[in-house]
Amino acid sequence: MTWWLKVRAVPALIAAVAGTIGAGLLVGGSELPVPALAGQAGQFLVGHLITLAPAILLLFGMGRGDLRTESVASRAMRHWDVALAVSVAVVGLLAAVICHVLWRTDIAMVLGRNIAGYVGLALILHPLLGHRSAGAALAAVPLLCAATGWGPGGRPEPWAWLLHPGDSVLALAAAGATLLVGTTVALTRRKPPWEIDTAS
């Protein structure tokens, strides 16, 4: 257990969640200048981008282990990794709700929702692409949304859930569905096809 906590960089992951929430509350409402390639430009906030940090660090930790060794271990490492990811998402959401209740700021809900959604995307991408490619693909998501996710009047498109305001039920449902799909994919598929070791 100690080895797994160290390899997965759990203390750093906890710090990343706390730091993301803290920094998001301080500067998350600041707007970043990102040109829109489709539709009208909307408000792309710091909070839309920095919530990537926990998911990227989660991917880093999952990539530090030896997949061949872990796949034959007596303990189900895959389940531990998924439990860690879901814990990160739940802690992010709970912290956001507490901050929203205490300070009545919508950015808190954006932070918690996006942390959960990005973690879900990380769980989907990791077994399909591997941790390095998954990290690059995940980092491209907010930039893609910022460039093409705006509709008429600078309102976010329904599919660009990470750009929606904190009170958007649709965005919260989309982030939750992404986390649910990611959990299912991560539990049923372990490695990208090209990383499967057929020699033995």
Protein backbone atom coordinates (compact mmCIF):
# COMPACT_ATOMS: atom_id res chain seq x y z
CA MET A 1 0.00 0.00 0.00
CA THR A 2 2.81 2.41 0.89
CA TRP A 3 4.50 1.59 -2.42
CA TRP A 4 1.30 2.27 -4.35
CA LEU A 5 0.73 5.60 -2.57
CA LYS A 6 4.28 6.65 -3.40
CA VAL A 7 4.17 5.55 -7.04
CA ARG A 8 0.82 7.21 -7.63
CA ALA A 9 2.10 10.44 -6.04
CA VAL A 10 -0.96 10.63 -3.80
CA PRO A 11 0.36 13.43 -1.52
CA ALA A 12 1.11 15.56 -4.59
CA LEU A 13 -2.33 14.75 -5.96
CA ILE A 14 -4.00 15.91 -2.75
CA ALA A 15 -1.95 19.10 -2.88
CA ALA A 16 -2.95 19.60 -6.53
CA VAL A 17 -6.67 19.38 -5.71
CA ALA A 18 -6.31 21.79 -2.78
CA GLY A 19 -4.12 24.14 -4.81
CA THR A 20 -6.50 24.09 -7.76
CA ILE A 21 -9.48 24.97 -5.59
CA GLY A 22 -7.53 27.65 -3.73
CA ALA A 23 -6.04 29.23 -6.85
CA GLY A 24 -9.37 28.95 -8.64
CA LEU A 25 -11.16 30.85 -5.90
CA LEU A 26 -8.53 33.59 -6.06
CA VAL A 27 -8.00 34.00 -9.81
CA GLY A 28 -10.32 31.46 -11.46
CA GLY A 29 -12.74 34.14 -12.61
CA SER A 30 -10.06 35.97 -14.61
CA GLU A 31 -10.53 35.78 -18.36
CA LEU A 32 -7.91 34.33 -20.71
CA PRO A 33 -7.64 35.70 -24.25
CA VAL A 34 -8.29 32.75 -26.57
CA PRO A 35 -9.48 33.39 -30.14
CA ALA A 36 -12.69 31.66 -31.22
CA LEU A 37 -12.46 29.71 -34.48
CA ALA A 38 -16.21 29.10 -34.67
CA GLY A 39 -19.05 31.30 -33.48
CA GLN A 40 -18.50 34.28 -31.23
CA ALA A 41 -15.89 34.35 -28.52
CA GLY A 42 -17.09 33.87 -24.96
CA GLN A 43 -15.47 34.03 -21.55
CA PHE A 44 -12.68 31.47 -21.24
CA LEU A 45 -11.65 31.63 -17.59
CA VAL A 46 -8.51 30.62 -15.72
CA GLY A 47 -10.78 28.22 -13.82
CA HIS A 48 -11.55 26.37 -17.05
CA LEU A 49 -7.86 25.63 -17.56
CA ILE A 50 -6.28 25.10 -14.13
CA THR A 51 -8.76 22.35 -13.26
CA LEU A 52 -6.72 20.15 -15.61
CA ALA A 53 -3.96 19.87 -13.00
CA PRO A 54 -5.40 17.05 -10.83
CA ALA A 55 -6.30 14.92 -13.86
CA ILE A 56 -2.86 15.41 -15.45
CA LEU A 57 -1.15 14.49 -12.18
CA LEU A 58 -3.43 11.45 -11.87
CA LEU A 59 -2.30 10.31 -15.33
CA PHE A 60 1.33 10.90 -14.36
CA GLY A 61 0.94 8.71 -11.29
CA MET A 62 -0.83 5.93 -13.19
CA GLY A 63 1.97 5.96 -15.77
CA ARG A 64 4.72 5.51 -13.17
CA GLY A 65 3.80 1.90 -12.40
CA ASP A 66 4.93 -1.20 -14.28
CA LEU A 67 1.76 -2.24 -16.12
CA ARG A 68 2.99 -5.79 -16.75
CA THR A 69 3.74 -6.37 -13.08
CA GLU A 70 0.56 -4.69 -11.90
CA SER A 71 -1.60 -6.68 -14.30
CA VAL A 72 -0.60 -9.95 -12.57
CA ALA A 73 -0.46 -8.60 -9.01
CA SER A 74 -2.56 -10.32 -6.38
CA ARG A 75 -4.19 -7.00 -5.52
CA ALA A 76 -6.38 -5.30 -8.11
CA MET A 77 -4.34 -2.19 -8.90
CA ARG A 78 -6.84 -1.16 -11.54
CA HIS A 79 -9.55 -0.91 -8.89
CA TRP A 80 -7.26 1.10 -6.63
CA ASP A 81 -6.49 3.53 -9.45
CA VAL A 82 -10.18 3.99 -10.23
CA ALA A 83 -10.97 4.45 -6.53
CA LEU A 84 -8.25 7.11 -6.32
CA ALA A 85 -9.61 8.90 -9.40
CA VAL A 86 -13.20 8.88 -8.15
CA SER A 87 -11.97 10.10 -4.75
CA VAL A 88 -10.23 13.03 -6.42
CA ALA A 89 -13.42 13.90 -8.30
CA VAL A 90 -15.63 13.60 -5.21
CA VAL A 91 -13.24 15.62 -3.02
CA GLY A 92 -13.08 18.31 -5.70
CA LEU A 93 -16.88 18.47 -5.91
CA LEU A 94 -17.36 18.50 -2.12
CA ALA A 95 -14.76 21.24 -1.67
CA ALA A 96 -16.47 23.26 -4.39
CA VAL A 97 -19.90 22.89 -2.79
CA ILE A 98 -18.52 23.95 0.62
CA CYS A 99 -16.78 26.98 -0.91
CA HIS A 100 -19.93 27.89 -2.85
CA VAL A 101 -22.06 27.74 0.31
CA LEU A 102 -19.55 29.78 2.33
CA TRP A 103 -18.73 32.47 -0.23
CA ARG A 104 -21.60 32.26 -2.76
CA THR A 105 -19.29 32.25 -5.77
CA ASP A 106 -20.20 30.46 -8.98
CA ILE A 107 -16.56 29.82 -9.87
CA ALA A 108 -16.38 27.28 -7.04
CA MET A 109 -18.97 25.09 -8.77
CA VAL A 110 -17.14 25.45 -12.08
CA LEU A 111 -13.93 24.26 -10.39
CA GLY A 112 -15.46 21.19 -8.76
CA ARG A 113 -17.46 20.20 -11.82
CA ASN A 114 -14.51 20.56 -14.17
CA ILE A 115 -12.15 18.62 -11.89
CA ALA A 116 -14.65 15.74 -11.92
CA GLY A 117 -15.14 15.97 -15.67
CA TYR A 118 -11.43 16.09 -16.47
CA VAL A 119 -10.82 13.09 -14.18
CA GLY A 120 -13.53 11.23 -16.10
CA LEU A 121 -11.85 12.10 -19.40
CA ALA A 122 -8.50 10.95 -17.99
CA LEU A 123 -10.03 7.60 -17.06
CA ILE A 124 -11.43 7.23 -20.57
CA LEU A 125 -8.23 8.23 -22.38
CA HIS A 126 -5.64 6.40 -20.24
CA PRO A 127 -6.54 2.82 -21.21
CA LEU A 128 -7.14 3.85 -24.84
CA LEU A 129 -4.02 5.97 -25.47
CA GLY A 130 -1.56 5.37 -22.63
CA HIS A 131 -0.64 7.99 -20.04
CA ARG A 132 1.57 10.22 -22.20
CA SER A 133 -0.78 10.50 -25.18
CA ALA A 134 -3.76 10.74 -22.83
CA GLY A 135 -2.15 13.70 -21.06
CA ALA A 136 -1.59 15.51 -24.37
CA ALA A 137 -5.13 14.77 -25.55
CA LEU A 138 -6.58 15.91 -22.24
CA ALA A 139 -4.63 19.17 -22.33
CA ALA A 140 -6.06 19.86 -25.80
CA VAL A 141 -9.69 19.59 -24.61
CA PRO A 142 -10.05 23.05 -22.97
CA LEU A 143 -8.24 24.72 -25.87
CA LEU A 144 -10.52 23.00 -28.37
CA CYS A 145 -13.58 24.05 -26.37
CA ALA A 146 -12.29 27.61 -26.07
CA ALA A 147 -11.71 27.83 -29.82
CA THR A 148 -14.86 26.10 -31.10
CA GLY A 149 -17.26 25.75 -28.19
CA TRP A 150 -19.13 29.04 -28.45
CA GLY A 151 -22.55 29.58 -29.97
CA PRO A 152 -24.53 32.71 -30.83
CA GLY A 153 -24.10 35.56 -28.37
CA GLY A 154 -20.95 34.02 -26.88
CA ARG A 155 -22.91 31.31 -25.06
CA PRO A 156 -21.22 27.92 -24.72
CA GLU A 157 -22.47 25.07 -26.88
CA PRO A 158 -24.23 22.24 -25.01
CA TRP A 159 -21.35 19.82 -25.68
CA ALA A 160 -18.72 22.25 -24.31
CA TRP A 161 -19.74 21.52 -20.71
CA LEU A 162 -16.53 22.84 -19.16
CA LEU A 163 -17.31 26.37 -20.40
CA HIS A 164 -20.79 26.53 -18.85
CA PRO A 165 -21.47 28.69 -15.77
CA GLY A 166 -21.48 27.12 -12.33
CA ASP A 167 -25.28 26.89 -12.13
CA SER A 168 -25.61 24.80 -15.32
CA VAL A 169 -27.38 21.53 -14.55
CA LEU A 170 -26.60 20.30 -18.07
CA ALA A 171 -22.86 20.79 -17.55
CA LEU A 172 -22.94 19.08 -14.15
CA ALA A 173 -24.81 16.13 -15.65
CA ALA A 174 -22.33 15.94 -18.54
CA ALA A 175 -19.35 15.98 -16.16
CA GLY A 176 -20.99 13.30 -14.01
CA ALA A 177 -21.74 11.15 -17.07
CA THR A 178 -18.13 11.55 -18.23
CA LEU A 179 -16.89 10.38 -14.83
CA LEU A 180 -19.26 7.41 -14.92
CA VAL A 181 -18.17 6.39 -18.44
CA GLY A 182 -14.52 6.87 -17.48
CA THR A 183 -14.93 4.63 -14.43
CA THR A 184 -16.51 1.92 -16.58
CA VAL A 185 -13.81 2.13 -19.27
CA ALA A 186 -10.99 2.11 -16.72
CA LEU A 187 -12.41 -0.96 -14.95
CA THR A 188 -12.94 -2.94 -18.14
CA ARG A 189 -9.90 -2.00 -20.23
CA ARG A 190 -6.37 -1.72 -18.93
CA LYS A 191 -3.85 -1.01 -21.69
CA PRO A 192 -3.80 0.47 -25.17
CA PRO A 193 -3.79 -2.25 -27.86
CA TRP A 194 -0.22 -1.44 -28.95
CA GLU A 195 1.12 -1.81 -25.39
CA ILE A 196 -0.19 -5.32 -24.80
CA ASP A 197 2.71 -7.68 -24.33
CA THR A 198 2.09 -10.82 -26.38
CA ALA A 199 5.49 -12.38 -25.73
CA SER A 200 5.81 -14.79 -22.84
